Amino acid sequence: MFKSVLSLVRTSIIGYNSSQSLTSLLRLSNCLTNARFLHVTSSTFGLDQRKKREGFKKKDEGSEGEFTIDIDNSLRQQQLFPDMNTPNRLFNGIPFKEVPIVNITCSPNNTKLNLTDFRGFTKILHTCGTEGFKHARKATNIAAQATAISLSAKALDQGYKTIRVRVAGLGPGRMSAIKGLQMGGMEIISITDNTRVSWCPPRPRKAKRL
């Protein structure tokens, strides 16, 4: 009797993978009156789970640019860095030394954009305050982006499309202003950081006496 049960269990496990088919065989043979559902663990359970995880879409945690920008192809571009011939190099028919410049001055409380020609004469001046943002809203990246888009629209009306960008200062509108210029239709050929760095900062205040 015991040998027949073992042979029945062995054939059922080999021939069927599910626990329900095994239980039905045991009930038909009248060997077990109260049969329970058996759970058979597959030896490749971990591999199946890994395959499922590979199929899922990865959660974007702000690193989308790392996957969308092909760094290798960008480094293969010719004349990516400036050299001796850069001032006379043509960009849309304009020499690099005569391209208009957009100066972005960022502060913790405001963002100022100033479009000048290559001689330094101001053509367009825009700030977050003149755009309609007041008080603490001037110190937001949304205000800087909106100001840059507005300046781009006026610059395109005056015939300025290819520009250079100079950024000075530390503030929340540094990258947003550059993004706003691109969204406004401006073609940026170079970005320069002119933030002033003091090698001899002022002496800090003494500690408050308690």
N, C-alpha and C. Protein backbone atom coordinates (compact mmCIF):
# COMPACT_ATOMS: atom_id res chain seq x y z
N MET A 1 0.83 -1.22 0.00
CA MET A 1 0.00 0.00 0.00
C MET A 1 0.86 1.26 0.00
N PHE A 2 1.88 1.26 0.85
CA PHE A 2 2.76 2.44 0.95
C PHE A 2 3.55 2.63 -0.34
N LYS A 3 3.98 1.49 -0.94
CA LYS A 3 4.73 1.60 -2.19
C LYS A 3 3.85 2.14 -3.30
N SER A 4 2.61 1.77 -3.33
CA SER A 4 1.72 2.28 -4.37
C SER A 4 1.47 3.78 -4.23
N VAL A 5 1.38 4.25 -2.97
CA VAL A 5 1.23 5.69 -2.74
C VAL A 5 2.45 6.44 -3.22
N LEU A 6 3.66 5.91 -2.90
CA LEU A 6 4.89 6.58 -3.33
C LEU A 6 5.00 6.61 -4.85
N SER A 7 4.67 5.52 -5.49
CA SER A 7 4.72 5.49 -6.96
C SER A 7 3.71 6.46 -7.57
N LEU A 8 2.55 6.57 -6.93
CA LEU A 8 1.53 7.50 -7.41
C LEU A 8 1.99 8.95 -7.28
N VAL A 9 2.61 9.25 -6.13
CA VAL A 9 3.12 10.62 -5.91
C VAL A 9 4.23 10.93 -6.88
N ARG A 10 5.11 9.95 -7.13
CA ARG A 10 6.25 10.17 -8.02
C ARG A 10 5.78 10.43 -9.44
N THR A 11 4.85 9.63 -9.92
CA THR A 11 4.35 9.82 -11.29
C THR A 11 3.58 11.12 -11.43
N SER A 12 2.87 11.49 -10.38
CA SER A 12 2.10 12.74 -10.46
C SER A 12 3.03 13.95 -10.49
N ILE A 13 4.14 13.91 -9.72
CA ILE A 13 5.08 15.04 -9.71
C ILE A 13 5.80 15.14 -11.04
N ILE A 14 6.15 13.98 -11.60
CA ILE A 14 6.87 14.01 -12.87
C ILE A 14 5.94 14.44 -14.01
N GLY A 15 4.73 13.91 -14.00
CA GLY A 15 3.82 14.19 -15.10
C GLY A 15 3.09 15.50 -14.97
N TYR A 16 2.88 16.03 -13.75
CA TYR A 16 2.11 17.25 -13.54
C TYR A 16 2.92 18.18 -12.65
N ASN A 17 2.83 19.49 -12.95
CA ASN A 17 3.55 20.49 -12.16
C ASN A 17 2.65 21.19 -11.16
N SER A 18 1.37 21.10 -11.33
CA SER A 18 0.48 21.84 -10.45
C SER A 18 0.04 20.96 -9.29
N SER A 19 -0.27 21.62 -8.16
CA SER A 19 -0.70 20.89 -6.97
C SER A 19 -2.14 20.40 -7.08
N GLN A 20 -2.93 21.07 -7.90
CA GLN A 20 -4.33 20.67 -8.02
C GLN A 20 -4.45 19.31 -8.71
N SER A 21 -3.64 19.07 -9.74
CA SER A 21 -3.69 17.78 -10.42
C SER A 21 -3.22 16.67 -9.50
N LEU A 22 -2.22 16.93 -8.63
CA LEU A 22 -1.75 15.93 -7.68
C LEU A 22 -2.84 15.58 -6.67
N THR A 23 -3.56 16.56 -6.19
CA THR A 23 -4.62 16.32 -5.22
C THR A 23 -5.77 15.52 -5.83
N SER A 24 -6.08 15.83 -7.07
CA SER A 24 -7.16 15.09 -7.72
C SER A 24 -6.79 13.62 -7.90
N LEU A 25 -5.51 13.34 -8.20
CA LEU A 25 -5.10 11.94 -8.33
C LEU A 25 -5.18 11.21 -7.00
N LEU A 26 -4.78 11.87 -5.93
CA LEU A 26 -4.83 11.23 -4.62
C LEU A 26 -6.27 10.97 -4.18
N ARG A 27 -7.19 11.87 -4.51
CA ARG A 27 -8.59 11.66 -4.13
C ARG A 27 -9.22 10.53 -4.92
N LEU A 28 -8.82 10.40 -6.22
CA LEU A 28 -9.38 9.32 -7.02
C LEU A 28 -8.92 7.94 -6.54
N SER A 29 -7.70 7.86 -6.02
CA SER A 29 -7.19 6.58 -5.55
C SER A 29 -7.68 6.22 -4.16
N ASN A 30 -8.42 7.13 -3.49
CA ASN A 30 -8.97 6.90 -2.15
C ASN A 30 -7.88 6.60 -1.11
N CYS A 31 -6.67 7.15 -1.37
CA CYS A 31 -5.58 6.92 -0.41
C CYS A 31 -5.63 7.95 0.71
N LEU A 32 -5.98 9.14 0.36
CA LEU A 32 -6.04 10.21 1.35
C LEU A 32 -7.44 10.79 1.32
N THR A 33 -8.02 10.95 2.49
CA THR A 33 -9.36 11.51 2.56
C THR A 33 -9.32 13.03 2.65
N ASN A 34 -8.39 13.58 3.40
CA ASN A 34 -8.26 15.04 3.56
C ASN A 34 -6.95 15.48 2.92
N ALA A 35 -6.97 15.64 1.62
CA ALA A 35 -5.75 16.05 0.90
C ALA A 35 -5.68 17.56 0.84
N ARG A 36 -4.52 18.08 1.03
CA ARG A 36 -4.29 19.53 0.96
C ARG A 36 -3.60 19.88 -0.36
N PHE A 37 -3.77 21.14 -0.74
CA PHE A 37 -3.08 21.59 -1.94
C PHE A 37 -1.60 21.73 -1.64
N LEU A 38 -0.80 21.14 -2.51
CA LEU A 38 0.65 21.19 -2.34
C LEU A 38 1.22 22.31 -3.21
N HIS A 39 2.24 23.00 -2.69
CA HIS A 39 2.90 24.08 -3.42
C HIS A 39 4.28 23.61 -3.82
N VAL A 40 4.53 23.54 -5.11
CA VAL A 40 5.84 23.10 -5.61
C VAL A 40 6.61 24.33 -6.02
N THR A 41 7.77 24.54 -5.41
CA THR A 41 8.62 25.69 -5.70
C THR A 41 9.54 25.36 -6.85
N SER A 42 9.55 26.19 -7.84
CA SER A 42 10.41 25.95 -8.99
C SER A 42 11.85 26.31 -8.67
N SER A 43 12.78 25.58 -9.25
CA SER A 43 14.21 25.86 -9.03
C SER A 43 14.66 27.13 -9.73
N THR A 44 13.88 27.60 -10.72
CA THR A 44 14.23 28.82 -11.46
C THR A 44 13.36 29.99 -11.04
N PHE A 45 12.91 29.98 -9.79
CA PHE A 45 12.03 31.06 -9.33
C PHE A 45 12.76 32.40 -9.33
N GLY A 46 14.01 32.42 -8.85
CA GLY A 46 14.76 33.67 -8.80
C GLY A 46 15.05 34.22 -10.18
N LEU A 47 15.34 33.35 -11.14
CA LEU A 47 15.60 33.82 -12.50
C LEU A 47 14.36 34.42 -13.12
N ASP A 48 13.18 33.81 -12.85
CA ASP A 48 11.94 34.35 -13.39
C ASP A 48 11.65 35.74 -12.84
N GLN A 49 11.92 35.95 -11.57
CA GLN A 49 11.70 37.26 -10.97
C GLN A 49 12.64 38.30 -11.58
N ARG A 50 13.88 37.91 -11.83
CA ARG A 50 14.82 38.86 -12.44
C ARG A 50 14.40 39.23 -13.85
N LYS A 51 13.87 38.26 -14.58
CA LYS A 51 13.40 38.57 -15.93
C LYS A 51 12.22 39.51 -15.89
N LYS A 52 11.34 39.34 -14.89
CA LYS A 52 10.21 40.26 -14.78
C LYS A 52 10.67 41.67 -14.47
N ARG A 53 11.68 41.79 -13.57
CA ARG A 53 12.18 43.14 -13.23
C ARG A 53 12.84 43.81 -14.43
N GLU A 54 13.51 43.02 -15.28
CA GLU A 54 14.14 43.61 -16.45
C GLU A 54 13.10 44.15 -17.42
N GLY A 55 11.92 43.53 -17.43
CA GLY A 55 10.88 44.00 -18.34
C GLY A 55 10.21 45.28 -17.89
N PHE A 56 10.27 45.58 -16.58
CA PHE A 56 9.64 46.80 -16.09
C PHE A 56 10.43 48.03 -16.50
N LYS A 57 9.73 49.13 -16.65
CA LYS A 57 10.37 50.39 -16.97
C LYS A 57 11.00 50.99 -15.72
N LYS A 58 12.24 51.43 -15.86
CA LYS A 58 12.94 52.00 -14.72
C LYS A 58 12.34 53.34 -14.33
N LYS A 59 12.30 53.58 -13.04
CA LYS A 59 11.76 54.84 -12.53
C LYS A 59 12.76 55.95 -12.77
N ASP A 60 12.26 57.05 -13.35
CA ASP A 60 13.12 58.19 -13.63
C ASP A 60 13.27 59.04 -12.38
N GLU A 61 14.48 59.18 -11.91
CA GLU A 61 14.76 59.97 -10.72
C GLU A 61 15.55 61.23 -11.06
N GLY A 62 15.16 61.86 -12.17
CA GLY A 62 15.85 63.08 -12.57
C GLY A 62 17.10 62.85 -13.37
N SER A 63 17.35 61.64 -13.81
CA SER A 63 18.57 61.33 -14.57
C SER A 63 18.25 61.00 -16.01
N GLU A 64 17.17 61.56 -16.52
CA GLU A 64 16.77 61.23 -17.88
C GLU A 64 17.79 61.73 -18.88
N GLY A 65 18.40 62.88 -18.60
CA GLY A 65 19.39 63.41 -19.53
C GLY A 65 20.60 62.53 -19.71
N GLU A 66 20.94 61.71 -18.71
CA GLU A 66 22.08 60.83 -18.84
C GLU A 66 21.85 59.75 -19.88
N PHE A 67 20.58 59.41 -20.14
CA PHE A 67 20.28 58.35 -21.09
C PHE A 67 19.92 58.92 -22.45
N THR A 68 19.45 60.14 -22.53
CA THR A 68 19.03 60.70 -23.80
C THR A 68 20.16 61.38 -24.54
N ILE A 69 21.18 61.86 -23.84
CA ILE A 69 22.29 62.56 -24.48
C ILE A 69 23.39 61.56 -24.78
N ASP A 70 23.80 61.48 -26.02
CA ASP A 70 24.89 60.59 -26.41
C ASP A 70 26.19 61.35 -26.27
N ILE A 71 26.90 61.11 -25.19
CA ILE A 71 28.12 61.86 -24.90
C ILE A 71 29.22 61.50 -25.89
N ASP A 72 29.29 60.24 -26.28
CA ASP A 72 30.34 59.82 -27.19
C ASP A 72 30.24 60.53 -28.53
N ASN A 73 29.01 60.66 -29.04
CA ASN A 73 28.84 61.34 -30.32
C ASN A 73 29.13 62.83 -30.22
N SER A 74 28.82 63.44 -29.07
CA SER A 74 29.09 64.87 -28.92
C SER A 74 30.58 65.16 -28.89
N LEU A 75 31.37 64.23 -28.34
CA LEU A 75 32.81 64.44 -28.29
C LEU A 75 33.46 64.25 -29.65
N ARG A 76 32.78 63.58 -30.57
CA ARG A 76 33.34 63.38 -31.90
C ARG A 76 33.16 64.59 -32.80
N GLN A 77 32.43 65.60 -32.37
CA GLN A 77 32.21 66.76 -33.19
C GLN A 77 33.53 67.50 -33.42
N GLN A 78 33.63 68.08 -34.58
CA GLN A 78 34.84 68.81 -34.93
C GLN A 78 34.79 70.21 -34.31
N GLN A 79 35.95 70.69 -33.87
CA GLN A 79 36.11 72.04 -33.32
C GLN A 79 35.13 72.28 -32.18
N LEU A 80 35.08 71.32 -31.24
CA LEU A 80 34.18 71.46 -30.10
C LEU A 80 34.70 72.49 -29.11
N PHE A 81 36.03 72.58 -28.95
CA PHE A 81 36.63 73.51 -28.01
C PHE A 81 37.28 74.67 -28.77
N PRO A 82 37.37 75.85 -28.16
CA PRO A 82 37.94 77.02 -28.87
C PRO A 82 39.42 76.85 -29.14
N ASP A 83 39.86 77.48 -30.21
CA ASP A 83 41.27 77.47 -30.59
C ASP A 83 41.64 78.86 -31.11
N MET A 84 42.76 78.95 -31.80
CA MET A 84 43.23 80.25 -32.27
C MET A 84 42.34 80.82 -33.37
N ASN A 85 41.65 79.96 -34.09
CA ASN A 85 40.82 80.42 -35.21
C ASN A 85 39.36 80.64 -34.81
N THR A 86 39.02 80.44 -33.55
CA THR A 86 37.62 80.57 -33.13
C THR A 86 37.07 81.98 -33.30
N PRO A 87 37.81 83.07 -32.99
CA PRO A 87 37.22 84.42 -33.17
C PRO A 87 36.77 84.71 -34.59
N ASN A 88 37.42 84.12 -35.58
CA ASN A 88 37.05 84.39 -36.98
C ASN A 88 36.15 83.30 -37.57
N ARG A 89 35.79 82.32 -36.77
CA ARG A 89 34.93 81.25 -37.27
C ARG A 89 33.51 81.76 -37.44
N LEU A 90 32.86 81.37 -38.52
CA LEU A 90 31.52 81.87 -38.86
C LEU A 90 30.46 80.99 -38.24
N PHE A 91 29.46 81.65 -37.65
CA PHE A 91 28.27 80.99 -37.11
C PHE A 91 27.06 81.67 -37.74
N ASN A 92 26.41 80.94 -38.67
CA ASN A 92 25.29 81.50 -39.43
C ASN A 92 25.69 82.79 -40.15
N GLY A 93 26.91 82.80 -40.67
CA GLY A 93 27.40 83.96 -41.42
C GLY A 93 27.95 85.08 -40.56
N ILE A 94 28.04 84.91 -39.24
CA ILE A 94 28.54 85.95 -38.35
C ILE A 94 29.81 85.44 -37.68
N PRO A 95 30.90 86.21 -37.69
CA PRO A 95 32.11 85.78 -36.97
C PRO A 95 31.84 85.67 -35.46
N PHE A 96 32.55 84.77 -34.83
CA PHE A 96 32.32 84.53 -33.41
C PHE A 96 32.55 85.80 -32.58
N LYS A 97 33.52 86.61 -32.97
CA LYS A 97 33.83 87.81 -32.19
C LYS A 97 32.77 88.89 -32.34
N GLU A 98 31.86 88.77 -33.32
CA GLU A 98 30.81 89.76 -33.52
C GLU A 98 29.42 89.24 -33.17
N VAL A 99 29.34 88.08 -32.53
CA VAL A 99 28.05 87.52 -32.16
C VAL A 99 27.50 88.27 -30.94
N PRO A 100 26.23 88.63 -30.91
CA PRO A 100 25.66 89.30 -29.72
C PRO A 100 25.77 88.43 -28.49
N ILE A 101 25.80 89.10 -27.33
CA ILE A 101 26.02 88.42 -26.06
C ILE A 101 24.83 88.68 -25.15
N VAL A 102 24.35 87.63 -24.48
CA VAL A 102 23.31 87.75 -23.46
C VAL A 102 23.97 87.54 -22.11
N ASN A 103 23.99 88.58 -21.30
CA ASN A 103 24.57 88.51 -19.96
C ASN A 103 23.47 88.19 -18.95
N ILE A 104 23.63 87.10 -18.24
CA ILE A 104 22.67 86.67 -17.23
C ILE A 104 23.29 86.89 -15.86
N THR A 105 22.70 87.77 -15.09
CA THR A 105 23.18 88.06 -13.74
C THR A 105 22.19 87.47 -12.75
N CYS A 106 22.66 86.48 -12.01
CA CYS A 106 21.79 85.77 -11.07
C CYS A 106 22.15 86.17 -9.65
N SER A 107 21.14 86.43 -8.87
CA SER A 107 21.30 86.72 -7.45
C SER A 107 20.27 85.90 -6.69
N PRO A 108 20.40 85.79 -5.40
CA PRO A 108 19.40 85.03 -4.64
C PRO A 108 18.00 85.61 -4.71
N ASN A 109 17.86 86.91 -5.10
CA ASN A 109 16.55 87.57 -5.09
C ASN A 109 16.02 87.94 -6.46
N ASN A 110 16.84 87.85 -7.51
CA ASN A 110 16.38 88.31 -8.82
C ASN A 110 17.29 87.72 -9.89
N THR A 111 16.83 87.80 -11.14
CA THR A 111 17.60 87.36 -12.30
C THR A 111 17.48 88.43 -13.38
N LYS A 112 18.63 88.91 -13.86
CA LYS A 112 18.65 89.98 -14.87
C LYS A 112 19.26 89.45 -16.16
N LEU A 113 18.64 89.80 -17.28
CA LEU A 113 19.15 89.41 -18.60
C LEU A 113 19.37 90.67 -19.42
N ASN A 114 20.56 90.76 -20.03
CA ASN A 114 20.96 91.95 -20.76
C ASN A 114 21.55 91.50 -22.09
N LEU A 115 20.91 91.90 -23.19
CA LEU A 115 21.40 91.58 -24.53
C LEU A 115 22.21 92.75 -25.06
N THR A 116 23.47 92.50 -25.40
CA THR A 116 24.36 93.53 -25.92
C THR A 116 24.96 93.08 -27.25
N ASP A 117 25.42 94.04 -28.03
CA ASP A 117 26.15 93.68 -29.24
C ASP A 117 27.61 93.40 -28.88
N PHE A 118 28.43 93.10 -29.88
CA PHE A 118 29.81 92.72 -29.59
C PHE A 118 30.64 93.91 -29.09
N ARG A 119 30.14 95.14 -29.25
CA ARG A 119 30.86 96.30 -28.72
C ARG A 119 30.50 96.58 -27.27
N GLY A 120 29.42 95.97 -26.77
CA GLY A 120 29.03 96.17 -25.38
C GLY A 120 27.86 97.09 -25.19
N PHE A 121 27.23 97.58 -26.26
CA PHE A 121 26.08 98.48 -26.15
C PHE A 121 24.82 97.66 -25.88
N THR A 122 24.06 98.09 -24.89
CA THR A 122 22.85 97.37 -24.49
C THR A 122 21.74 97.54 -25.52
N LYS A 123 21.13 96.43 -25.91
CA LYS A 123 20.02 96.45 -26.85
C LYS A 123 18.69 96.13 -26.16
N ILE A 124 18.68 95.13 -25.31
CA ILE A 124 17.47 94.72 -24.60
C ILE A 124 17.87 94.41 -23.16
N LEU A 125 17.05 94.89 -22.22
CA LEU A 125 17.27 94.61 -20.81
C LEU A 125 15.97 94.11 -20.20
N HIS A 126 16.06 92.98 -19.52
CA HIS A 126 14.87 92.37 -18.90
C HIS A 126 15.25 91.82 -17.54
N THR A 127 14.33 91.97 -16.59
CA THR A 127 14.50 91.39 -15.26
C THR A 127 13.20 90.70 -14.87
N CYS A 128 13.29 89.89 -13.84
CA CYS A 128 12.07 89.22 -13.35
C CYS A 128 11.07 90.22 -12.79
N GLY A 129 11.57 91.33 -12.23
CA GLY A 129 10.68 92.35 -11.70
C GLY A 129 9.91 93.07 -12.78
N THR A 130 10.58 93.42 -13.90
CA THR A 130 9.88 94.09 -14.99
C THR A 130 8.93 93.15 -15.73
N GLU A 131 9.13 91.85 -15.57
CA GLU A 131 8.25 90.88 -16.23
C GLU A 131 6.94 90.71 -15.47
N GLY A 132 6.86 91.21 -14.23
CA GLY A 132 5.63 91.15 -13.47
C GLY A 132 5.71 90.31 -12.21
N PHE A 133 6.86 89.73 -11.93
CA PHE A 133 7.02 88.94 -10.71
C PHE A 133 7.46 89.86 -9.57
N LYS A 134 6.79 89.74 -8.46
CA LYS A 134 7.05 90.62 -7.33
C LYS A 134 7.49 89.81 -6.12
N HIS A 135 8.25 90.50 -5.27
CA HIS A 135 8.66 89.98 -3.97
C HIS A 135 9.39 88.64 -4.11
N ALA A 136 8.98 87.63 -3.40
CA ALA A 136 9.71 86.37 -3.37
C ALA A 136 9.58 85.59 -4.69
N ARG A 137 8.59 85.92 -5.51
CA ARG A 137 8.44 85.19 -6.77
C ARG A 137 9.53 85.54 -7.77
N LYS A 138 10.20 86.67 -7.57
CA LYS A 138 11.32 87.00 -8.47
C LYS A 138 12.46 86.01 -8.33
N ALA A 139 12.58 85.38 -7.18
CA ALA A 139 13.71 84.50 -6.90
C ALA A 139 13.40 83.05 -7.23
N THR A 140 12.56 82.81 -8.24
CA THR A 140 12.21 81.45 -8.62
C THR A 140 12.74 81.15 -10.01
N ASN A 141 12.93 79.88 -10.29
CA ASN A 141 13.40 79.49 -11.62
C ASN A 141 12.34 79.70 -12.69
N ILE A 142 11.05 79.65 -12.30
CA ILE A 142 9.98 79.89 -13.27
C ILE A 142 10.02 81.33 -13.75
N ALA A 143 10.29 82.25 -12.84
CA ALA A 143 10.38 83.67 -13.22
C ALA A 143 11.54 83.90 -14.17
N ALA A 144 12.67 83.26 -13.90
CA ALA A 144 13.84 83.42 -14.78
C ALA A 144 13.56 82.85 -16.17
N GLN A 145 12.88 81.73 -16.23
CA GLN A 145 12.58 81.12 -17.53
C GLN A 145 11.60 81.98 -18.32
N ALA A 146 10.57 82.51 -17.66
CA ALA A 146 9.61 83.37 -18.34
C ALA A 146 10.27 84.65 -18.84
N THR A 147 11.19 85.20 -18.06
CA THR A 147 11.90 86.41 -18.47
C THR A 147 12.77 86.14 -19.68
N ALA A 148 13.43 84.99 -19.71
CA ALA A 148 14.28 84.64 -20.85
C ALA A 148 13.46 84.44 -22.12
N ILE A 149 12.29 83.83 -21.99
CA ILE A 149 11.43 83.65 -23.16
C ILE A 149 10.96 84.99 -23.70
N SER A 150 10.62 85.91 -22.81
CA SER A 150 10.18 87.24 -23.24
C SER A 150 11.32 87.99 -23.93
N LEU A 151 12.54 87.87 -23.40
CA LEU A 151 13.68 88.54 -24.04
C LEU A 151 13.97 87.91 -25.40
N SER A 152 13.78 86.61 -25.52
CA SER A 152 14.02 85.95 -26.81
C SER A 152 13.05 86.44 -27.87
N ALA A 153 11.80 86.65 -27.49
CA ALA A 153 10.82 87.13 -28.45
C ALA A 153 11.19 88.52 -28.96
N LYS A 154 11.64 89.40 -28.07
CA LYS A 154 12.04 90.74 -28.51
C LYS A 154 13.32 90.69 -29.34
N ALA A 155 14.23 89.79 -28.98
CA ALA A 155 15.48 89.69 -29.74
C ALA A 155 15.23 89.18 -31.15
N LEU A 156 14.32 88.23 -31.30
CA LEU A 156 14.01 87.73 -32.64
C LEU A 156 13.34 88.81 -33.49
N ASP A 157 12.54 89.67 -32.86
CA ASP A 157 11.91 90.76 -33.61
C ASP A 157 12.95 91.75 -34.13
N GLN A 158 14.03 91.91 -33.39
CA GLN A 158 15.10 92.83 -33.80
C GLN A 158 16.14 92.16 -34.68
N GLY A 159 15.99 90.87 -34.95
CA GLY A 159 16.91 90.20 -35.86
C GLY A 159 18.04 89.46 -35.20
N TYR A 160 18.00 89.28 -33.88
CA TYR A 160 19.06 88.53 -33.18
C TYR A 160 18.58 87.10 -32.95
N LYS A 161 19.33 86.16 -33.49
CA LYS A 161 18.98 84.74 -33.31
C LYS A 161 20.16 83.95 -32.75
N THR A 162 21.34 84.17 -33.29
CA THR A 162 22.55 83.48 -32.82
C THR A 162 23.20 84.33 -31.74
N ILE A 163 23.38 83.76 -30.56
CA ILE A 163 23.89 84.53 -29.43
C ILE A 163 24.94 83.73 -28.67
N ARG A 164 25.68 84.44 -27.84
CA ARG A 164 26.54 83.85 -26.83
C ARG A 164 25.96 84.17 -25.46
N VAL A 165 26.26 83.36 -24.49
CA VAL A 165 25.69 83.53 -23.15
C VAL A 165 26.82 83.63 -22.14
N ARG A 166 26.69 84.61 -21.26
CA ARG A 166 27.60 84.76 -20.12
C ARG A 166 26.77 84.76 -18.86
N VAL A 167 27.12 83.89 -17.95
CA VAL A 167 26.39 83.73 -16.70
C VAL A 167 27.28 84.18 -15.55
N ALA A 168 26.72 85.00 -14.67
CA ALA A 168 27.46 85.49 -13.51
C ALA A 168 26.55 85.43 -12.30
N GLY A 169 27.11 84.97 -11.19
CA GLY A 169 26.36 84.92 -9.95
C GLY A 169 25.77 83.54 -9.70
N LEU A 170 25.40 83.36 -8.44
CA LEU A 170 24.78 82.11 -7.99
C LEU A 170 23.35 82.39 -7.58
N GLY A 171 22.42 81.74 -8.23
CA GLY A 171 21.01 81.95 -7.91
C GLY A 171 20.18 80.84 -8.51
N PRO A 172 18.90 80.83 -8.20
CA PRO A 172 18.03 79.76 -8.70
C PRO A 172 17.72 79.86 -10.19
N GLY A 173 18.04 80.99 -10.83
CA GLY A 173 17.68 81.16 -12.23
C GLY A 173 18.81 80.93 -13.21
N ARG A 174 19.89 80.31 -12.78
CA ARG A 174 21.03 80.12 -13.70
C ARG A 174 20.66 79.23 -14.88
N MET A 175 20.30 77.99 -14.61
CA MET A 175 20.00 77.06 -15.68
C MET A 175 18.64 77.33 -16.31
N SER A 176 17.70 77.84 -15.54
CA SER A 176 16.37 78.10 -16.08
C SER A 176 16.40 79.22 -17.12
N ALA A 177 17.25 80.22 -16.93
CA ALA A 177 17.34 81.30 -17.90
C ALA A 177 17.91 80.80 -19.23
N ILE A 178 18.92 79.93 -19.16
CA ILE A 178 19.48 79.38 -20.40
C ILE A 178 18.44 78.52 -21.10
N LYS A 179 17.70 77.73 -20.32
CA LYS A 179 16.64 76.90 -20.91
C LYS A 179 15.56 77.77 -21.54
N GLY A 180 15.25 78.89 -20.91
CA GLY A 180 14.25 79.79 -21.48
C GLY A 180 14.69 80.40 -22.80
N LEU A 181 15.99 80.70 -22.92
CA LEU A 181 16.49 81.23 -24.20
C LEU A 181 16.35 80.20 -25.30
N GLN A 182 16.62 78.95 -24.99
CA GLN A 182 16.45 77.89 -26.00
C GLN A 182 14.98 77.71 -26.36
N MET A 183 14.12 77.75 -25.36
CA MET A 183 12.69 77.60 -25.63
C MET A 183 12.16 78.76 -26.45
N GLY A 184 12.75 79.95 -26.31
CA GLY A 184 12.32 81.11 -27.06
C GLY A 184 12.77 81.12 -28.50
N GLY A 185 13.62 80.17 -28.91
CA GLY A 185 14.06 80.09 -30.30
C GLY A 185 15.44 80.62 -30.55
N MET A 186 16.19 80.96 -29.51
CA MET A 186 17.54 81.47 -29.69
C MET A 186 18.52 80.31 -29.89
N GLU A 187 19.52 80.55 -30.70
CA GLU A 187 20.56 79.55 -30.97
C GLU A 187 21.82 79.94 -30.20
N ILE A 188 22.13 79.18 -29.17
CA ILE A 188 23.26 79.47 -28.29
C ILE A 188 24.47 78.70 -28.81
N ILE A 189 25.56 79.42 -29.06
CA ILE A 189 26.77 78.77 -29.59
C ILE A 189 27.84 78.60 -28.52
N SER A 190 27.75 79.35 -27.42
CA SER A 190 28.73 79.19 -26.35
C SER A 190 28.14 79.69 -25.04
N ILE A 191 28.58 79.08 -23.94
CA ILE A 191 28.15 79.47 -22.60
C ILE A 191 29.41 79.68 -21.76
N THR A 192 29.51 80.85 -21.16
CA THR A 192 30.67 81.20 -20.34
C THR A 192 30.20 81.55 -18.94
N ASP A 193 30.91 81.03 -17.95
CA ASP A 193 30.59 81.32 -16.55
C ASP A 193 31.55 82.39 -16.05
N ASN A 194 31.02 83.58 -15.79
CA ASN A 194 31.83 84.71 -15.31
C ASN A 194 31.58 85.00 -13.84
N THR A 195 31.23 84.01 -13.08
CA THR A 195 30.99 84.22 -11.66
C THR A 195 32.28 84.62 -10.97
N ARG A 196 32.21 85.69 -10.22
CA ARG A 196 33.39 86.20 -9.55
C ARG A 196 33.74 85.32 -8.35
N VAL A 197 35.00 84.96 -8.29
CA VAL A 197 35.51 84.14 -7.19
C VAL A 197 36.53 84.98 -6.44
N SER A 198 36.30 85.17 -5.16
CA SER A 198 37.21 85.98 -4.34
C SER A 198 38.22 85.06 -3.68
N TRP A 199 39.49 85.33 -3.95
CA TRP A 199 40.57 84.55 -3.34
C TRP A 199 40.97 85.12 -1.98
N CYS A 200 40.46 86.30 -1.66
CA CYS A 200 40.73 86.90 -0.35
C CYS A 200 39.40 87.43 0.20
N PRO A 201 38.56 86.53 0.67
CA PRO A 201 37.23 86.97 1.12
C PRO A 201 37.34 87.83 2.37
N PRO A 202 36.31 88.61 2.67
CA PRO A 202 36.35 89.44 3.88
C PRO A 202 36.36 88.59 5.14
N ARG A 203 36.85 89.18 6.19
CA ARG A 203 36.96 88.47 7.46
C ARG A 203 35.56 88.22 8.03
N PRO A 204 35.28 87.00 8.45
CA PRO A 204 33.94 86.72 9.00
C PRO A 204 33.72 87.45 10.33
N ARG A 205 32.46 87.68 10.66
CA ARG A 205 32.13 88.34 11.90
C ARG A 205 32.48 87.44 13.09
N LYS A 206 32.80 88.08 14.18
CA LYS A 206 33.14 87.31 15.38
C LYS A 206 31.89 86.64 15.93
N ALA A 207 32.10 85.60 16.69
CA ALA A 207 31.00 84.85 17.25
C ALA A 207 30.27 85.70 18.28
N LYS A 208 28.94 85.55 18.31
CA LYS A 208 28.15 86.32 19.25
C LYS A 208 28.39 85.83 20.68
N ARG A 209 28.62 86.80 21.56
CA ARG A 209 28.88 86.44 22.98
C ARG A 209 27.56 86.19 23.70
N LEU A 210 27.53 85.08 24.40
CA LEU A 210 26.33 84.71 25.15
C LEU A 210 26.48 85.03 26.61
